[in-house]
Amino acid sequence: MHKGISYVMKSNDSRIIQEREFNIFVVSHCPTSNICILSGLCHVRNLMNAGVPVGLGTDVSGGYSSSIIEAMRHAIITSKVIAMKDPNYKPLDFKDVFYLATLGGSQGYWKMKLKLILL
């Protein structure tokens, strides 16, 4: 059985994930929820650059909206806030968040599905 976990990603988590070889199918980035509950800013670009599959989510238990469009807006804003603090960080653009909202999450889903089929 595969279980999901909820975890607040910090700036160096992509390195930690790779070094410890966690079996992560996909990271669900829920920027609206993260902003509303003040849980932190996810460095999505670093995760993507490290090859970690990332999708975009609408965790309304901590946020106020189930709109994926709103989550897309907040993902861009979040990455721009990170870029203001770190000039080397390339913020996400509309193409990135469109990918995260569509195909990004499906990467992990199909990886998990394939693993279950091969078992």
N, C-alpha and C. Protein backbone atom coordinates (compact mmCIF):
# COMPACT_ATOMS: atom_id res chain seq x y z
N MET A 1 0.84 -1.18 0.00
CA MET A 1 0.00 0.00 0.00
C MET A 1 0.89 1.24 0.00
N HIS A 2 0.50 2.21 -0.79
CA HIS A 2 1.24 3.46 -0.86
C HIS A 2 0.52 4.52 -0.06
N LYS A 3 1.26 5.26 0.70
CA LYS A 3 0.68 6.29 1.55
C LYS A 3 1.21 7.65 1.14
N GLY A 4 0.37 8.65 1.29
CA GLY A 4 0.80 10.01 1.04
C GLY A 4 1.27 10.63 2.35
N ILE A 5 2.20 11.56 2.24
CA ILE A 5 2.64 12.27 3.42
C ILE A 5 2.53 13.76 3.16
N SER A 6 2.33 14.50 4.20
CA SER A 6 2.30 15.94 4.11
C SER A 6 3.55 16.46 4.80
N TYR A 7 4.26 17.34 4.11
CA TYR A 7 5.52 17.81 4.64
C TYR A 7 5.81 19.19 4.06
N VAL A 8 6.26 20.09 4.88
CA VAL A 8 6.61 21.43 4.40
C VAL A 8 8.02 21.38 3.85
N MET A 9 8.16 21.73 2.58
CA MET A 9 9.46 21.67 1.92
C MET A 9 10.27 22.92 2.24
N LYS A 10 11.50 22.72 2.60
CA LYS A 10 12.43 23.82 2.84
C LYS A 10 13.34 23.98 1.63
N SER A 11 14.18 25.00 1.61
CA SER A 11 14.97 25.33 0.43
C SER A 11 15.95 24.24 0.02
N ASN A 12 16.47 23.46 0.96
CA ASN A 12 17.47 22.45 0.60
C ASN A 12 16.89 21.04 0.53
N ASP A 13 15.57 20.91 0.52
CA ASP A 13 14.95 19.58 0.53
C ASP A 13 15.20 18.78 -0.73
N SER A 14 15.37 19.44 -1.88
CA SER A 14 15.63 18.69 -3.11
C SER A 14 16.94 17.92 -2.98
N ARG A 15 17.94 18.53 -2.34
CA ARG A 15 19.22 17.85 -2.12
C ARG A 15 19.04 16.69 -1.15
N ILE A 16 18.29 16.92 -0.10
CA ILE A 16 18.05 15.88 0.90
C ILE A 16 17.30 14.70 0.29
N ILE A 17 16.31 15.00 -0.52
CA ILE A 17 15.53 13.93 -1.18
C ILE A 17 16.45 13.07 -2.03
N GLN A 18 17.33 13.70 -2.80
CA GLN A 18 18.23 12.95 -3.67
C GLN A 18 19.24 12.14 -2.86
N GLU A 19 19.84 12.75 -1.85
CA GLU A 19 20.87 12.07 -1.07
C GLU A 19 20.33 10.87 -0.31
N ARG A 20 19.13 10.98 0.20
CA ARG A 20 18.56 9.89 0.99
C ARG A 20 17.77 8.91 0.13
N GLU A 21 17.62 9.22 -1.14
CA GLU A 21 16.93 8.36 -2.08
C GLU A 21 15.52 7.99 -1.61
N PHE A 22 14.77 8.99 -1.20
CA PHE A 22 13.39 8.77 -0.81
C PHE A 22 12.60 8.28 -2.03
N ASN A 23 11.63 7.45 -1.79
CA ASN A 23 10.78 6.96 -2.87
C ASN A 23 9.59 7.90 -3.00
N ILE A 24 9.84 9.06 -3.60
CA ILE A 24 8.81 10.08 -3.73
C ILE A 24 8.21 9.97 -5.12
N PHE A 25 6.92 9.79 -5.19
CA PHE A 25 6.27 9.72 -6.49
C PHE A 25 6.01 11.10 -7.04
N VAL A 26 5.53 11.99 -6.21
CA VAL A 26 5.27 13.36 -6.65
C VAL A 26 5.11 14.26 -5.42
N VAL A 27 5.60 15.49 -5.53
CA VAL A 27 5.38 16.49 -4.50
C VAL A 27 4.20 17.34 -4.95
N SER A 28 3.22 17.48 -4.11
CA SER A 28 2.07 18.32 -4.41
C SER A 28 2.28 19.69 -3.77
N HIS A 29 2.51 20.68 -4.62
CA HIS A 29 2.73 22.05 -4.15
C HIS A 29 1.38 22.73 -4.00
N CYS A 30 1.05 23.12 -2.77
CA CYS A 30 -0.23 23.78 -2.47
C CYS A 30 0.06 25.19 -1.94
N PRO A 31 0.37 26.13 -2.84
CA PRO A 31 0.81 27.45 -2.39
C PRO A 31 -0.24 28.25 -1.64
N THR A 32 -1.51 28.13 -2.01
CA THR A 32 -2.55 28.90 -1.31
C THR A 32 -2.62 28.46 0.14
N SER A 33 -2.61 27.16 0.37
CA SER A 33 -2.64 26.63 1.73
C SER A 33 -1.38 27.05 2.49
N ASN A 34 -0.22 26.91 1.86
CA ASN A 34 1.04 27.27 2.53
C ASN A 34 1.05 28.73 2.97
N ILE A 35 0.50 29.59 2.12
CA ILE A 35 0.45 31.02 2.45
C ILE A 35 -0.54 31.27 3.59
N CYS A 36 -1.72 30.65 3.51
CA CYS A 36 -2.76 30.89 4.51
C CYS A 36 -2.37 30.42 5.91
N ILE A 37 -1.70 29.27 6.00
CA ILE A 37 -1.33 28.76 7.32
C ILE A 37 0.12 29.11 7.70
N LEU A 38 0.75 29.95 6.87
CA LEU A 38 2.10 30.44 7.14
C LEU A 38 3.11 29.30 7.35
N SER A 39 2.99 28.26 6.52
CA SER A 39 3.85 27.09 6.72
C SER A 39 5.17 27.17 5.97
N GLY A 40 5.33 28.14 5.09
CA GLY A 40 6.60 28.28 4.38
C GLY A 40 6.41 28.42 2.89
N LEU A 41 7.51 28.64 2.21
CA LEU A 41 7.52 28.81 0.77
C LEU A 41 8.26 27.65 0.13
N CYS A 42 7.62 26.94 -0.77
CA CYS A 42 8.23 25.79 -1.42
C CYS A 42 9.09 26.26 -2.59
N HIS A 43 10.34 25.84 -2.60
CA HIS A 43 11.27 26.17 -3.68
C HIS A 43 11.07 25.18 -4.83
N VAL A 44 9.99 25.37 -5.56
CA VAL A 44 9.58 24.43 -6.60
C VAL A 44 10.64 24.30 -7.68
N ARG A 45 11.22 25.40 -8.10
CA ARG A 45 12.24 25.36 -9.16
C ARG A 45 13.39 24.43 -8.77
N ASN A 46 13.82 24.48 -7.52
CA ASN A 46 14.92 23.60 -7.08
C ASN A 46 14.50 22.13 -7.16
N LEU A 47 13.27 21.84 -6.78
CA LEU A 47 12.78 20.46 -6.86
C LEU A 47 12.73 20.00 -8.31
N MET A 48 12.21 20.85 -9.19
CA MET A 48 12.12 20.49 -10.61
C MET A 48 13.51 20.27 -11.19
N ASN A 49 14.46 21.15 -10.86
CA ASN A 49 15.83 21.02 -11.37
C ASN A 49 16.50 19.74 -10.86
N ALA A 50 16.06 19.27 -9.68
CA ALA A 50 16.63 18.05 -9.10
C ALA A 50 15.93 16.80 -9.64
N GLY A 51 14.96 16.99 -10.52
CA GLY A 51 14.27 15.84 -11.11
C GLY A 51 13.14 15.28 -10.26
N VAL A 52 12.73 16.02 -9.24
CA VAL A 52 11.62 15.58 -8.39
C VAL A 52 10.31 15.96 -9.08
N PRO A 53 9.41 15.00 -9.32
CA PRO A 53 8.13 15.34 -9.95
C PRO A 53 7.30 16.23 -9.02
N VAL A 54 6.79 17.33 -9.57
CA VAL A 54 6.01 18.27 -8.78
C VAL A 54 4.69 18.55 -9.50
N GLY A 55 3.60 18.49 -8.74
CA GLY A 55 2.29 18.86 -9.25
C GLY A 55 1.76 20.01 -8.42
N LEU A 56 0.70 20.59 -8.88
CA LEU A 56 0.09 21.72 -8.18
C LEU A 56 -1.22 21.26 -7.55
N GLY A 57 -1.41 21.63 -6.28
CA GLY A 57 -2.61 21.19 -5.58
C GLY A 57 -3.40 22.35 -5.00
N THR A 58 -4.61 22.03 -4.55
CA THR A 58 -5.50 23.02 -3.94
C THR A 58 -5.98 22.49 -2.60
N ASP A 59 -5.10 22.47 -1.64
CA ASP A 59 -5.40 21.94 -0.31
C ASP A 59 -6.29 22.93 0.44
N VAL A 60 -7.61 22.77 0.28
CA VAL A 60 -8.53 23.73 0.88
C VAL A 60 -8.68 23.56 2.39
N SER A 61 -8.11 22.50 2.95
CA SER A 61 -8.19 22.38 4.41
C SER A 61 -7.36 23.47 5.08
N GLY A 62 -6.36 23.97 4.37
CA GLY A 62 -5.55 25.05 4.92
C GLY A 62 -5.71 26.35 4.16
N GLY A 63 -6.34 26.29 3.01
CA GLY A 63 -6.51 27.48 2.18
C GLY A 63 -7.94 27.93 2.16
N TYR A 64 -8.26 28.77 1.21
CA TYR A 64 -9.62 29.30 1.13
C TYR A 64 -10.25 29.06 -0.24
N SER A 65 -9.51 28.41 -1.15
CA SER A 65 -10.03 28.27 -2.49
C SER A 65 -9.67 26.90 -3.07
N SER A 66 -10.61 26.31 -3.80
CA SER A 66 -10.33 25.06 -4.49
C SER A 66 -9.99 25.31 -5.96
N SER A 67 -9.80 26.56 -6.32
CA SER A 67 -9.51 26.93 -7.71
C SER A 67 -8.06 26.64 -8.08
N ILE A 68 -7.86 25.85 -9.12
CA ILE A 68 -6.50 25.58 -9.60
C ILE A 68 -5.90 26.84 -10.21
N ILE A 69 -6.74 27.71 -10.77
CA ILE A 69 -6.25 28.98 -11.33
C ILE A 69 -5.66 29.84 -10.21
N GLU A 70 -6.36 29.87 -9.07
CA GLU A 70 -5.86 30.62 -7.91
C GLU A 70 -4.53 30.02 -7.43
N ALA A 71 -4.44 28.70 -7.41
CA ALA A 71 -3.19 28.04 -7.01
C ALA A 71 -2.06 28.37 -7.98
N MET A 72 -2.39 28.47 -9.26
CA MET A 72 -1.38 28.84 -10.26
C MET A 72 -0.86 30.25 -9.99
N ARG A 73 -1.77 31.16 -9.71
CA ARG A 73 -1.36 32.55 -9.39
C ARG A 73 -0.45 32.56 -8.16
N HIS A 74 -0.86 31.84 -7.13
CA HIS A 74 -0.08 31.84 -5.89
C HIS A 74 1.27 31.15 -6.07
N ALA A 75 1.35 30.16 -6.94
CA ALA A 75 2.64 29.51 -7.21
C ALA A 75 3.62 30.50 -7.83
N ILE A 76 3.12 31.31 -8.75
CA ILE A 76 3.97 32.33 -9.38
C ILE A 76 4.39 33.38 -8.35
N ILE A 77 3.44 33.85 -7.56
CA ILE A 77 3.75 34.86 -6.54
C ILE A 77 4.75 34.32 -5.53
N THR A 78 4.54 33.07 -5.08
CA THR A 78 5.45 32.45 -4.12
C THR A 78 6.87 32.40 -4.67
N SER A 79 7.00 31.99 -5.92
CA SER A 79 8.34 31.87 -6.50
C SER A 79 8.98 33.25 -6.68
N LYS A 80 8.18 34.28 -6.92
CA LYS A 80 8.74 35.63 -7.03
C LYS A 80 9.20 36.14 -5.68
N VAL A 81 8.49 35.79 -4.62
CA VAL A 81 8.92 36.17 -3.27
C VAL A 81 10.26 35.49 -2.95
N ILE A 82 10.39 34.22 -3.31
CA ILE A 82 11.65 33.50 -3.10
C ILE A 82 12.77 34.19 -3.89
N ALA A 83 12.48 34.58 -5.14
CA ALA A 83 13.49 35.23 -5.99
C ALA A 83 13.91 36.59 -5.43
N MET A 84 13.00 37.28 -4.72
CA MET A 84 13.38 38.56 -4.11
C MET A 84 14.42 38.34 -3.02
N LYS A 85 14.32 37.20 -2.33
CA LYS A 85 15.26 36.88 -1.26
C LYS A 85 16.54 36.26 -1.79
N ASP A 86 16.44 35.55 -2.92
CA ASP A 86 17.58 34.85 -3.51
C ASP A 86 17.67 35.21 -4.99
N PRO A 87 18.57 36.13 -5.34
CA PRO A 87 18.66 36.59 -6.73
C PRO A 87 19.07 35.49 -7.72
N ASN A 88 19.59 34.38 -7.24
CA ASN A 88 19.97 33.27 -8.13
C ASN A 88 18.81 32.34 -8.43
N TYR A 89 17.69 32.53 -7.75
CA TYR A 89 16.52 31.67 -7.93
C TYR A 89 15.72 32.18 -9.12
N LYS A 90 15.44 31.31 -10.09
CA LYS A 90 14.64 31.68 -11.25
C LYS A 90 13.16 31.43 -10.93
N PRO A 91 12.37 32.49 -10.87
CA PRO A 91 10.95 32.30 -10.52
C PRO A 91 10.20 31.52 -11.60
N LEU A 92 9.13 30.90 -11.18
CA LEU A 92 8.26 30.18 -12.11
C LEU A 92 7.52 31.17 -12.98
N ASP A 93 7.21 30.76 -14.21
CA ASP A 93 6.39 31.59 -15.08
C ASP A 93 5.10 30.86 -15.39
N PHE A 94 4.26 31.44 -16.23
CA PHE A 94 2.95 30.85 -16.50
C PHE A 94 3.07 29.48 -17.16
N LYS A 95 4.12 29.27 -17.98
CA LYS A 95 4.31 27.96 -18.62
C LYS A 95 4.62 26.90 -17.56
N ASP A 96 5.47 27.26 -16.61
CA ASP A 96 5.82 26.32 -15.53
C ASP A 96 4.59 25.91 -14.73
N VAL A 97 3.80 26.89 -14.31
CA VAL A 97 2.66 26.56 -13.45
C VAL A 97 1.55 25.85 -14.22
N PHE A 98 1.42 26.13 -15.52
CA PHE A 98 0.46 25.39 -16.33
C PHE A 98 0.87 23.92 -16.39
N TYR A 99 2.16 23.69 -16.55
CA TYR A 99 2.68 22.32 -16.54
C TYR A 99 2.42 21.65 -15.19
N LEU A 100 2.71 22.36 -14.10
CA LEU A 100 2.51 21.81 -12.75
C LEU A 100 1.04 21.46 -12.52
N ALA A 101 0.14 22.30 -13.03
CA ALA A 101 -1.30 22.09 -12.82
C ALA A 101 -1.86 20.96 -13.69
N THR A 102 -1.13 20.57 -14.72
CA THR A 102 -1.64 19.53 -15.64
C THR A 102 -0.75 18.29 -15.60
N LEU A 103 0.32 18.30 -16.32
CA LEU A 103 1.18 17.12 -16.46
C LEU A 103 2.08 16.86 -15.26
N GLY A 104 2.39 17.89 -14.49
CA GLY A 104 3.32 17.72 -13.37
C GLY A 104 2.90 16.65 -12.39
N GLY A 105 1.68 16.72 -11.94
CA GLY A 105 1.18 15.73 -10.99
C GLY A 105 1.03 14.36 -11.61
N SER A 106 0.75 14.31 -12.90
CA SER A 106 0.54 13.01 -13.55
C SER A 106 1.84 12.21 -13.65
N GLN A 107 2.99 12.87 -13.65
CA GLN A 107 4.27 12.14 -13.68
C GLN A 107 4.34 11.15 -12.53
N GLY A 108 4.06 11.63 -11.35
CA GLY A 108 4.11 10.77 -10.17
C GLY A 108 3.04 9.70 -10.20
N TYR A 109 1.86 10.06 -10.69
CA TYR A 109 0.77 9.09 -10.75
C TYR A 109 1.16 7.92 -11.64
N TRP A 110 1.66 8.20 -12.82
CA TRP A 110 1.99 7.11 -13.75
C TRP A 110 3.20 6.33 -13.28
N LYS A 111 4.13 6.99 -12.60
CA LYS A 111 5.28 6.28 -12.03
C LYS A 111 4.80 5.28 -10.98
N MET A 112 3.86 5.71 -10.13
CA MET A 112 3.31 4.84 -9.10
C MET A 112 2.51 3.70 -9.74
N LYS A 113 1.71 4.01 -10.75
CA LYS A 113 0.89 3.02 -11.42
C LYS A 113 1.77 1.95 -12.07
N LEU A 114 2.85 2.37 -12.73
CA LEU A 114 3.76 1.44 -13.37
C LEU A 114 4.41 0.52 -12.35
N LYS A 115 4.79 1.08 -11.21
CA LYS A 115 5.41 0.29 -10.16
C LYS A 115 4.43 -0.77 -9.65
N LEU A 116 3.17 -0.39 -9.47
CA LEU A 116 2.16 -1.34 -9.00
C LEU A 116 1.93 -2.44 -10.03
N ILE A 117 1.95 -2.10 -11.31
CA ILE A 117 1.77 -3.09 -12.37
C ILE A 117 2.94 -4.07 -12.40
N LEU A 118 4.15 -3.56 -12.18
CA LEU A 118 5.35 -4.41 -12.25
C LEU A 118 5.52 -5.30 -11.03
N LEU A 119 4.80 -5.01 -9.95
CA LEU A 119 4.93 -5.81 -8.73
C LEU A 119 4.35 -7.19 -8.86
